[in-house]
């Protein structure tokens, strides 16, 4: 039966050498194994940098010092303040003009004939539903124009004091606020005039 090599330690006691292996119970002997390479299996290998022109940025680790952003591209990503104002004004007007156009379109689908048997307090026939709807719309146009003007002023203020809001959001917020202010203002004016 063969024994593994023993070597003397510093303290005078014997210890087993660096031989690796396993004990085989069937053969009742120590079976040496091939020594592993000196390379650490658990170590992290350096990443081999490669460049592939078809896939830029793939397989290449960039240090933060290597990353350079082109200033021209960075400026193109930020919208111009003038274009933000213009788009927010268009969005604000859109929140008024789209419902106004939808109402006018709906008015044209109504009948142009007066309802049969309908008369007003003076005994005259009622107006046709289409003409009544369009006349109501024309009577409200000045108030809608004032509300839209107030909303555009609010859009200017919101565009100046907010950062990161998109023109669509500015348009919606200013349309809601402007319509609310205009509604309150017209209600107060009507009560003052009727008194």
Protein backbone atom coordinates (compact mmCIF):
# COMPACT_ATOMS: atom_id res chain seq x y z
CA UNK A 1 0.00 0.00 0.00
CA UNK A 2 1.39 3.36 -1.01
CA UNK A 3 1.32 6.36 1.27
CA UNK A 4 1.39 9.97 0.19
CA UNK A 5 4.62 11.86 0.57
CA UNK A 6 5.11 13.56 3.90
CA UNK A 7 7.27 16.56 4.50
CA UNK A 8 8.44 18.17 7.65
CA UNK A 9 6.76 21.36 8.82
CA UNK A 10 8.50 24.16 10.67
CA UNK A 11 7.41 22.94 14.06
CA UNK A 12 9.00 19.55 13.52
CA UNK A 13 5.73 17.77 12.99
CA UNK A 14 5.04 15.98 9.78
CA UNK A 15 2.30 17.10 7.50
CA UNK A 16 0.95 15.93 4.18
CA UNK A 17 2.33 17.51 1.05
CA UNK A 18 0.34 19.48 -1.45
CA UNK A 19 -0.77 16.39 -3.32
CA UNK A 20 -4.49 16.25 -4.03
CA UNK A 21 -6.63 13.22 -4.55
CA UNK A 22 -9.30 11.05 -3.04
CA UNK A 23 -9.59 7.84 -1.08
CA UNK A 24 -11.13 5.00 -3.03
CA UNK A 25 -12.86 2.55 -0.64
CA UNK A 26 -13.10 -0.23 -3.24
CA UNK A 27 -9.41 -0.24 -3.98
CA UNK A 28 -8.51 0.74 -0.41
CA UNK A 29 -5.94 3.22 -1.55
CA UNK A 30 -5.34 6.90 -2.15
CA UNK A 31 -5.85 7.90 -5.78
CA UNK A 32 -3.92 11.05 -6.71
CA UNK A 33 -5.57 13.57 -8.98
CA UNK A 34 -4.10 15.87 -11.53
CA UNK A 35 -3.02 19.09 -9.98
CA UNK A 36 -5.18 22.05 -11.04
CA UNK A 37 -3.54 24.87 -12.86
CA UNK A 38 -2.19 27.75 -10.83
CA UNK A 39 -5.02 29.90 -12.15
CA UNK A 40 -7.71 30.72 -9.62
CA UNK A 41 -11.04 29.30 -10.78
CA UNK A 42 -12.95 31.88 -8.80
CA UNK A 43 -11.04 34.92 -9.97
CA UNK A 44 -12.39 37.46 -12.38
CA UNK A 45 -10.65 37.50 -15.70
CA UNK A 46 -10.00 40.79 -17.46
CA UNK A 47 -12.66 41.58 -20.03
CA UNK A 48 -11.20 41.46 -23.51
CA UNK A 49 -12.17 44.67 -25.24
CA UNK A 50 -13.27 44.25 -28.79
CA UNK A 51 -14.71 46.54 -31.33
CA UNK A 52 -17.28 45.51 -33.85
CA UNK A 53 -18.10 48.27 -36.34
CA UNK A 54 -21.48 46.68 -37.12
CA UNK A 55 -22.54 46.81 -33.45
CA UNK A 56 -21.09 49.94 -31.86
CA UNK A 57 -20.84 49.86 -28.11
CA UNK A 58 -21.21 46.08 -27.91
CA UNK A 59 -18.45 44.23 -26.10
CA UNK A 60 -16.62 47.34 -25.02
CA UNK A 61 -16.59 48.60 -21.48
CA UNK A 62 -16.37 52.36 -21.27
CA UNK A 63 -14.88 54.14 -18.34
CA UNK A 64 -16.73 57.27 -17.30
CA UNK A 65 -13.77 59.31 -18.56
CA UNK A 66 -14.07 57.69 -22.00
CA UNK A 67 -17.70 58.71 -22.42
CA UNK A 68 -17.94 61.98 -24.27
CA UNK A 69 -21.30 63.39 -25.20
CA UNK A 70 -21.50 65.60 -28.21
CA UNK A 71 -22.72 69.02 -27.11
CA UNK A 72 -24.56 69.57 -30.39
CA UNK A 73 -26.65 66.41 -29.80
CA UNK A 74 -27.38 67.44 -26.21
CA UNK A 75 -28.68 70.81 -27.37
CA UNK A 76 -30.86 69.16 -30.01
CA UNK A 77 -32.54 66.99 -27.35
CA UNK A 78 -33.71 70.00 -25.32
CA UNK A 79 -36.67 71.73 -26.94
CA UNK A 80 -36.42 75.38 -27.80
CA UNK A 81 -38.36 77.61 -25.37
CA UNK A 82 -40.02 79.41 -28.27
CA UNK A 83 -41.33 76.14 -29.74
CA UNK A 84 -42.59 75.07 -26.29
CA UNK A 85 -44.60 78.31 -26.08
CA UNK A 86 -46.04 77.89 -29.56
CA UNK A 87 -46.99 74.25 -29.00
CA UNK A 88 -48.56 75.02 -25.62
CA UNK A 89 -50.63 77.82 -27.21
CA UNK A 90 -51.79 75.43 -29.94
CA UNK A 91 -52.65 72.78 -27.33
CA UNK A 92 -54.56 75.35 -25.28
CA UNK A 93 -56.53 76.51 -28.31
CA UNK A 94 -57.13 72.87 -29.25
CA UNK A 95 -58.87 72.21 -25.93
CA UNK A 96 -61.38 74.90 -26.95
CA UNK A 97 -61.60 74.50 -30.72
CA UNK A 98 -62.03 70.72 -30.86
CA UNK A 99 -65.15 70.67 -28.64
CA UNK A 100 -66.44 73.79 -30.41
CA UNK A 101 -66.04 72.08 -33.79
CA UNK A 102 -67.65 68.89 -32.47
CA UNK A 103 -70.64 70.89 -31.19
CA UNK A 104 -71.02 72.69 -34.53
CA UNK A 105 -70.83 69.37 -36.36
CA UNK A 106 -73.46 67.89 -34.08
CA UNK A 107 -75.67 70.95 -34.72
CA UNK A 108 -75.67 70.22 -38.44
CA UNK A 109 -76.99 66.72 -37.79
CA UNK A 110 -80.17 68.15 -36.21
CA UNK A 111 -83.36 68.69 -38.14
CA UNK A 112 -83.81 71.91 -40.07
CA UNK A 113 -87.61 71.72 -39.69
CA UNK A 114 -89.36 73.06 -36.56
CA UNK A 115 -90.93 70.51 -34.27
CA UNK A 116 -94.57 70.05 -35.17
CA UNK A 117 -97.01 71.67 -32.79
CA UNK A 118 -94.34 73.69 -30.94
CA UNK A 119 -95.13 77.35 -30.36
CA UNK A 120 -93.51 79.97 -28.15
CA UNK A 121 -95.27 82.26 -25.63
CA UNK A 122 -96.37 84.61 -28.41
CA UNK A 123 -97.90 81.84 -30.49
CA UNK A 124 -95.12 81.80 -33.07
CA UNK A 125 -93.62 78.50 -34.21
CA UNK A 126 -90.48 77.36 -32.40
CA UNK A 127 -87.20 77.64 -34.28
CA UNK A 128 -85.75 74.53 -35.89
CA UNK A 129 -83.38 72.55 -33.64
CA UNK A 130 -80.45 73.21 -35.99
CA UNK A 131 -80.94 76.98 -36.10
CA UNK A 132 -81.52 77.11 -32.34
CA UNK A 133 -78.33 75.17 -31.66
CA UNK A 134 -76.23 77.33 -34.03
CA UNK A 135 -77.66 80.58 -32.63
CA UNK A 136 -76.79 79.42 -29.09
CA UNK A 137 -73.27 78.66 -30.28
CA UNK A 138 -72.90 82.09 -31.90
CA UNK A 139 -74.15 83.77 -28.71
CA UNK A 140 -71.47 81.98 -26.67
CA UNK A 141 -68.53 82.67 -29.04
CA UNK A 142 -67.48 85.93 -27.29
CA UNK A 143 -67.35 84.21 -23.90
CA UNK A 144 -65.41 81.28 -25.40
CA UNK A 145 -62.95 83.75 -26.98
CA UNK A 146 -62.40 85.51 -23.65
CA UNK A 147 -61.92 82.16 -21.87
CA UNK A 148 -59.40 81.10 -24.53
CA UNK A 149 -57.49 84.39 -24.17
CA UNK A 150 -57.32 83.93 -20.38
CA UNK A 151 -56.13 80.36 -20.92
CA UNK A 152 -53.37 81.46 -23.29
CA UNK A 153 -52.15 83.99 -20.71
CA UNK A 154 -52.13 81.20 -18.10
CA UNK A 155 -50.25 78.99 -20.58
CA UNK A 156 -47.58 81.72 -20.87
CA UNK A 157 -47.24 81.83 -17.10
CA UNK A 158 -47.16 78.04 -16.72
CA UNK A 159 -44.58 77.75 -19.51
CA UNK A 160 -42.35 80.21 -17.67
CA UNK A 161 -42.62 78.81 -14.13
CA UNK A 162 -42.70 75.07 -14.81
CA UNK A 163 -39.83 72.92 -15.96
CA UNK A 164 -40.27 69.55 -17.56
CA UNK A 165 -43.94 69.97 -18.46
CA UNK A 166 -44.80 69.06 -21.99
CA UNK A 167 -46.80 71.49 -24.12
CA UNK A 168 -49.81 69.17 -24.11
CA UNK A 169 -49.89 69.18 -20.29
CA UNK A 170 -49.43 72.95 -20.18
CA UNK A 171 -52.27 73.36 -22.68
CA UNK A 172 -54.61 71.13 -20.69
CA UNK A 173 -53.83 72.78 -17.35
CA UNK A 174 -54.17 76.29 -18.75
CA UNK A 175 -57.45 75.43 -20.52
CA UNK A 176 -58.93 74.09 -17.28
CA UNK A 177 -57.74 77.04 -15.22
CA UNK A 178 -58.72 79.61 -17.85
CA UNK A 179 -62.20 78.14 -18.28
CA UNK A 180 -62.68 78.15 -14.50
CA UNK A 181 -61.54 81.77 -14.14
CA UNK A 182 -63.72 82.85 -17.07
CA UNK A 183 -66.77 81.02 -15.68
CA UNK A 184 -66.39 82.71 -12.30
CA UNK A 185 -65.76 86.12 -13.90
CA UNK A 186 -68.84 85.87 -16.17
CA UNK A 187 -71.02 84.67 -13.28
CA UNK A 188 -69.92 87.65 -11.16
CA UNK A 189 -70.47 90.09 -14.06
CA UNK A 190 -73.94 88.74 -14.79
CA UNK A 191 -75.00 89.08 -11.16
CA UNK A 192 -73.65 92.65 -11.04
CA UNK A 193 -75.38 93.66 -14.27
CA UNK A 194 -78.73 92.10 -13.32
CA UNK A 195 -78.82 93.80 -9.91
